[in-house]
Amino acid sequence: MADNFTPRVKAILRENGCSFVRHGKGDHEIWHSPINNRRFMIDNNIKSRHWANHTLKQAGLPKRFSLFLRIVPLPVGTQRVGERHRHHVVAGIDEMDFAGHRGRQI
């Protein structure tokens, strides 16, 4: 179900001049960022885009991982239930339900 963001985070860090310093406890690594001249920890099993963005923030880099929404047409013959449903489904989530989430619009 969940992706492992660690390889992509490490690639972004290397592209921006960050370097591996040493192994930490468990499955963590300590890296150094020349951008803010700080050391920070990377988990080798990042399962959340939020944690991936947090790691980049510690390195002084902007967010790179966001929720990717894809609008997919409903299959032909699919019946809409009630007035609140729309013609599309967004990544398996009802578009109206998602649009109402925290007041954000798609």
N, C-alpha and C. Protein backbone atom coordinates (compact mmCIF):
# COMPACT_ATOMS: atom_id res chain seq x y z
N MET A 1 0.82 -1.18 0.00
CA MET A 1 0.00 0.00 0.00
C MET A 1 0.87 1.26 0.00
N ALA A 2 1.78 1.38 0.95
CA ALA A 2 2.59 2.59 1.06
C ALA A 2 3.88 2.45 0.26
N ASP A 3 4.29 3.56 -0.28
CA ASP A 3 5.53 3.64 -1.03
C ASP A 3 6.69 3.81 -0.07
N ASN A 4 7.90 3.48 -0.53
CA ASN A 4 9.09 3.81 0.22
C ASN A 4 9.73 5.02 -0.47
N PHE A 5 9.68 6.16 0.19
CA PHE A 5 10.18 7.40 -0.39
C PHE A 5 11.70 7.58 -0.22
N THR A 6 12.35 6.74 0.56
CA THR A 6 13.75 6.93 0.90
C THR A 6 14.68 7.05 -0.31
N PRO A 7 14.60 6.17 -1.32
CA PRO A 7 15.52 6.32 -2.46
C PRO A 7 15.35 7.65 -3.18
N ARG A 8 14.11 8.12 -3.32
CA ARG A 8 13.88 9.40 -3.99
C ARG A 8 14.37 10.57 -3.15
N VAL A 9 14.19 10.49 -1.82
CA VAL A 9 14.68 11.55 -0.93
C VAL A 9 16.20 11.63 -1.01
N LYS A 10 16.86 10.47 -0.94
CA LYS A 10 18.32 10.45 -1.00
C LYS A 10 18.84 11.00 -2.33
N ALA A 11 18.16 10.68 -3.43
CA ALA A 11 18.57 11.20 -4.74
C ALA A 11 18.46 12.72 -4.78
N ILE A 12 17.38 13.27 -4.24
CA ILE A 12 17.19 14.72 -4.20
C ILE A 12 18.27 15.36 -3.34
N LEU A 13 18.58 14.73 -2.21
CA LEU A 13 19.61 15.28 -1.32
C LEU A 13 20.98 15.29 -2.00
N ARG A 14 21.31 14.20 -2.68
CA ARG A 14 22.60 14.14 -3.38
C ARG A 14 22.69 15.19 -4.48
N GLU A 15 21.58 15.38 -5.23
CA GLU A 15 21.55 16.39 -6.29
C GLU A 15 21.82 17.80 -5.75
N ASN A 16 21.47 18.02 -4.49
CA ASN A 16 21.62 19.34 -3.88
C ASN A 16 22.84 19.45 -2.98
N GLY A 17 23.77 18.50 -3.11
CA GLY A 17 25.05 18.60 -2.42
C GLY A 17 25.09 18.03 -1.02
N CYS A 18 24.02 17.43 -0.54
CA CYS A 18 24.03 16.83 0.80
C CYS A 18 24.84 15.55 0.77
N SER A 19 25.43 15.21 1.91
CA SER A 19 26.30 14.03 1.93
C SER A 19 26.04 13.17 3.17
N PHE A 20 26.25 11.87 2.98
CA PHE A 20 26.14 10.90 4.05
C PHE A 20 27.29 11.11 5.03
N VAL A 21 26.98 11.12 6.34
CA VAL A 21 28.02 11.30 7.37
C VAL A 21 28.33 9.97 8.04
N ARG A 22 27.27 9.32 8.58
CA ARG A 22 27.48 8.06 9.29
C ARG A 22 26.14 7.37 9.48
N HIS A 23 26.21 6.11 9.93
CA HIS A 23 25.00 5.37 10.27
C HIS A 23 24.57 5.78 11.67
N GLY A 24 23.28 5.87 11.88
CA GLY A 24 22.74 6.18 13.19
C GLY A 24 22.21 4.92 13.84
N LYS A 25 21.32 5.09 14.81
CA LYS A 25 20.73 3.94 15.48
C LYS A 25 19.66 3.32 14.61
N GLY A 26 19.52 2.02 14.69
CA GLY A 26 18.49 1.31 13.92
C GLY A 26 18.71 1.45 12.43
N ASP A 27 17.67 1.85 11.72
CA ASP A 27 17.78 1.98 10.26
C ASP A 27 17.89 3.44 9.84
N HIS A 28 18.49 4.26 10.69
CA HIS A 28 18.64 5.68 10.40
C HIS A 28 20.06 6.01 9.94
N GLU A 29 20.16 7.07 9.18
CA GLU A 29 21.45 7.59 8.74
C GLU A 29 21.53 9.07 9.09
N ILE A 30 22.75 9.54 9.30
CA ILE A 30 22.97 10.96 9.56
C ILE A 30 23.60 11.55 8.31
N TRP A 31 23.01 12.64 7.82
CA TRP A 31 23.49 13.33 6.62
C TRP A 31 23.81 14.77 6.98
N HIS A 32 24.62 15.41 6.12
CA HIS A 32 24.98 16.82 6.30
C HIS A 32 24.48 17.63 5.11
N SER A 33 23.92 18.81 5.40
CA SER A 33 23.45 19.70 4.35
C SER A 33 24.35 20.93 4.28
N PRO A 34 24.96 21.19 3.11
CA PRO A 34 25.75 22.40 2.96
C PRO A 34 24.87 23.65 2.81
N ILE A 35 23.58 23.46 2.56
CA ILE A 35 22.66 24.58 2.39
C ILE A 35 22.48 25.33 3.71
N ASN A 36 22.23 24.60 4.79
CA ASN A 36 22.06 25.25 6.09
C ASN A 36 23.14 24.83 7.09
N ASN A 37 24.14 24.09 6.61
CA ASN A 37 25.28 23.64 7.41
C ASN A 37 24.83 22.90 8.68
N ARG A 38 23.87 22.00 8.50
CA ARG A 38 23.34 21.21 9.62
C ARG A 38 23.37 19.73 9.29
N ARG A 39 23.39 18.93 10.34
CA ARG A 39 23.24 17.48 10.20
C ARG A 39 21.79 17.13 10.50
N PHE A 40 21.30 16.09 9.83
CA PHE A 40 19.92 15.67 10.02
C PHE A 40 19.83 14.17 9.82
N MET A 41 18.74 13.61 10.32
CA MET A 41 18.53 12.17 10.29
C MET A 41 17.62 11.78 9.13
N ILE A 42 17.93 10.63 8.50
CA ILE A 42 17.07 10.06 7.47
C ILE A 42 16.71 8.64 7.89
N ASP A 43 15.43 8.35 7.85
CA ASP A 43 14.95 7.00 8.10
C ASP A 43 15.08 6.22 6.80
N ASN A 44 15.51 4.98 6.86
CA ASN A 44 15.66 4.17 5.64
C ASN A 44 14.37 3.50 5.21
N ASN A 45 13.26 3.87 5.83
CA ASN A 45 11.97 3.29 5.47
C ASN A 45 10.89 4.37 5.56
N ILE A 46 11.04 5.44 4.78
CA ILE A 46 10.09 6.56 4.80
C ILE A 46 8.84 6.14 4.04
N LYS A 47 7.72 6.01 4.75
CA LYS A 47 6.47 5.55 4.14
C LYS A 47 5.48 6.68 3.87
N SER A 48 5.79 7.89 4.31
CA SER A 48 4.85 9.00 4.20
C SER A 48 5.46 10.16 3.43
N ARG A 49 4.67 10.78 2.55
CA ARG A 49 5.16 11.94 1.82
C ARG A 49 5.41 13.09 2.79
N HIS A 50 4.66 13.10 3.91
CA HIS A 50 4.84 14.13 4.91
C HIS A 50 6.22 14.02 5.56
N TRP A 51 6.62 12.80 5.89
CA TRP A 51 7.93 12.60 6.51
C TRP A 51 9.04 12.87 5.48
N ALA A 52 8.81 12.53 4.23
CA ALA A 52 9.79 12.81 3.18
C ALA A 52 9.99 14.32 3.05
N ASN A 53 8.90 15.08 3.04
CA ASN A 53 9.00 16.54 2.97
C ASN A 53 9.65 17.12 4.21
N HIS A 54 9.38 16.53 5.37
CA HIS A 54 10.01 16.99 6.62
C HIS A 54 11.53 16.80 6.54
N THR A 55 11.96 15.68 6.01
CA THR A 55 13.39 15.42 5.87
C THR A 55 14.03 16.45 4.95
N LEU A 56 13.37 16.76 3.84
CA LEU A 56 13.89 17.77 2.93
C LEU A 56 13.94 19.14 3.60
N LYS A 57 12.94 19.43 4.41
CA LYS A 57 12.91 20.71 5.12
C LYS A 57 14.09 20.82 6.08
N GLN A 58 14.43 19.71 6.76
CA GLN A 58 15.57 19.71 7.66
C GLN A 58 16.87 20.01 6.91
N ALA A 59 16.92 19.61 5.63
CA ALA A 59 18.10 19.85 4.81
C ALA A 59 18.09 21.25 4.20
N GLY A 60 17.02 22.01 4.43
CA GLY A 60 16.94 23.35 3.87
C GLY A 60 16.40 23.39 2.45
N LEU A 61 15.72 22.34 2.05
CA LEU A 61 15.17 22.24 0.70
C LEU A 61 13.65 22.39 0.73
N PRO A 62 13.05 22.83 -0.37
CA PRO A 62 11.58 22.95 -0.41
C PRO A 62 10.92 21.58 -0.56
N LYS A 63 9.61 21.55 -0.32
CA LYS A 63 8.83 20.32 -0.48
C LYS A 63 8.92 19.83 -1.92
N ARG A 64 8.98 18.52 -2.09
CA ARG A 64 9.00 17.94 -3.43
C ARG A 64 7.91 16.90 -3.62
N PHE A 65 7.29 16.44 -2.54
CA PHE A 65 6.30 15.38 -2.62
C PHE A 65 4.94 15.93 -2.26
N SER A 66 3.98 15.79 -3.17
CA SER A 66 2.63 16.26 -2.91
C SER A 66 1.64 15.18 -3.31
N LEU A 67 0.40 15.36 -2.91
CA LEU A 67 -0.64 14.41 -3.25
C LEU A 67 -0.91 14.51 -4.74
N PHE A 68 -0.72 13.43 -5.45
CA PHE A 68 -0.95 13.41 -6.89
C PHE A 68 -2.39 13.00 -7.13
N LEU A 69 -3.15 13.90 -7.70
CA LEU A 69 -4.55 13.61 -7.98
C LEU A 69 -4.73 13.36 -9.46
N ARG A 70 -5.43 12.32 -9.77
CA ARG A 70 -5.69 11.97 -11.15
C ARG A 70 -7.19 11.83 -11.34
N ILE A 71 -7.75 12.58 -12.26
CA ILE A 71 -9.19 12.49 -12.50
C ILE A 71 -9.44 11.39 -13.51
N VAL A 72 -10.25 10.45 -13.11
CA VAL A 72 -10.54 9.28 -13.93
C VAL A 72 -12.03 9.27 -14.23
N PRO A 73 -12.44 9.17 -15.51
CA PRO A 73 -13.88 9.11 -15.81
C PRO A 73 -14.51 7.85 -15.22
N LEU A 74 -15.75 7.98 -14.79
CA LEU A 74 -16.47 6.82 -14.29
C LEU A 74 -16.75 5.87 -15.45
N PRO A 75 -16.78 4.57 -15.19
CA PRO A 75 -17.08 3.61 -16.24
C PRO A 75 -18.48 3.85 -16.82
N VAL A 76 -18.65 3.54 -18.09
CA VAL A 76 -19.94 3.70 -18.76
C VAL A 76 -20.97 2.83 -18.05
N GLY A 77 -22.14 3.40 -17.83
CA GLY A 77 -23.21 2.65 -17.18
C GLY A 77 -23.22 2.79 -15.67
N THR A 78 -22.23 3.48 -15.10
CA THR A 78 -22.19 3.66 -13.66
C THR A 78 -23.25 4.69 -13.27
N GLN A 79 -24.06 4.35 -12.29
CA GLN A 79 -25.11 5.27 -11.86
C GLN A 79 -24.58 6.19 -10.77
N ARG A 80 -24.97 7.45 -10.88
CA ARG A 80 -24.62 8.40 -9.84
C ARG A 80 -25.68 8.30 -8.75
N VAL A 81 -25.26 8.39 -7.51
CA VAL A 81 -26.18 8.28 -6.39
C VAL A 81 -26.38 9.68 -5.81
N GLY A 82 -27.60 10.20 -5.92
CA GLY A 82 -27.92 11.50 -5.34
C GLY A 82 -27.30 12.65 -6.11
N GLU A 83 -27.57 13.86 -5.62
CA GLU A 83 -27.10 15.07 -6.29
C GLU A 83 -25.65 15.43 -5.94
N ARG A 84 -25.13 14.91 -4.84
CA ARG A 84 -23.81 15.34 -4.40
C ARG A 84 -22.67 14.68 -5.17
N HIS A 85 -22.95 13.65 -5.95
CA HIS A 85 -21.90 12.97 -6.70
C HIS A 85 -21.67 13.66 -8.03
N ARG A 86 -20.44 13.64 -8.49
CA ARG A 86 -20.09 14.26 -9.75
C ARG A 86 -19.75 13.19 -10.78
N HIS A 87 -19.29 13.61 -11.93
CA HIS A 87 -19.01 12.70 -13.04
C HIS A 87 -17.67 11.99 -12.94
N HIS A 88 -16.82 12.41 -12.04
CA HIS A 88 -15.47 11.86 -11.99
C HIS A 88 -15.14 11.35 -10.59
N VAL A 89 -14.20 10.48 -10.56
CA VAL A 89 -13.66 9.97 -9.30
C VAL A 89 -12.19 10.35 -9.28
N VAL A 90 -11.72 10.84 -8.15
CA VAL A 90 -10.33 11.26 -8.03
C VAL A 90 -9.58 10.20 -7.24
N ALA A 91 -8.75 9.47 -7.91
CA ALA A 91 -7.91 8.44 -7.28
C ALA A 91 -8.71 7.58 -6.31
N GLY A 92 -9.92 7.23 -6.70
CA GLY A 92 -10.74 6.37 -5.86
C GLY A 92 -11.53 7.10 -4.79
N ILE A 93 -11.39 8.42 -4.70
CA ILE A 93 -12.10 9.20 -3.69
C ILE A 93 -13.16 10.02 -4.41
N ASP A 94 -14.34 10.07 -3.87
CA ASP A 94 -15.39 10.87 -4.49
C ASP A 94 -14.93 12.33 -4.54
N GLU A 95 -15.07 12.95 -5.68
CA GLU A 95 -14.57 14.32 -5.90
C GLU A 95 -15.20 15.31 -4.92
N MET A 96 -16.48 15.19 -4.68
CA MET A 96 -17.16 16.11 -3.78
C MET A 96 -16.65 15.94 -2.35
N ASP A 97 -16.45 14.70 -1.94
CA ASP A 97 -15.93 14.45 -0.60
C ASP A 97 -14.55 15.08 -0.45
N PHE A 98 -13.71 14.94 -1.47
CA PHE A 98 -12.36 15.47 -1.36
C PHE A 98 -12.37 16.99 -1.41
N ALA A 99 -13.22 17.57 -2.26
CA ALA A 99 -13.27 19.03 -2.37
C ALA A 99 -13.71 19.66 -1.05
N GLY A 100 -14.56 18.98 -0.30
CA GLY A 100 -15.00 19.51 0.97
C GLY A 100 -14.00 19.34 2.09
N HIS A 101 -12.98 18.54 1.87
CA HIS A 101 -11.97 18.28 2.89
C HIS A 101 -11.13 19.53 3.14
N ARG A 102 -11.20 20.08 4.32
CA ARG A 102 -10.44 21.25 4.74
C ARG A 102 -10.66 22.46 3.82
N GLY A 103 -11.78 22.51 3.13
CA GLY A 103 -12.10 23.66 2.32
C GLY A 103 -11.27 23.81 1.06
N ARG A 104 -10.54 22.79 0.68
CA ARG A 104 -9.70 22.88 -0.52
C ARG A 104 -10.50 22.58 -1.76
N GLN A 105 -10.13 23.18 -2.86
CA GLN A 105 -10.77 22.89 -4.12
C GLN A 105 -9.83 22.06 -4.98
N ILE A 106 -10.39 21.27 -5.86
CA ILE A 106 -9.58 20.45 -6.75
C ILE A 106 -9.21 21.27 -7.95
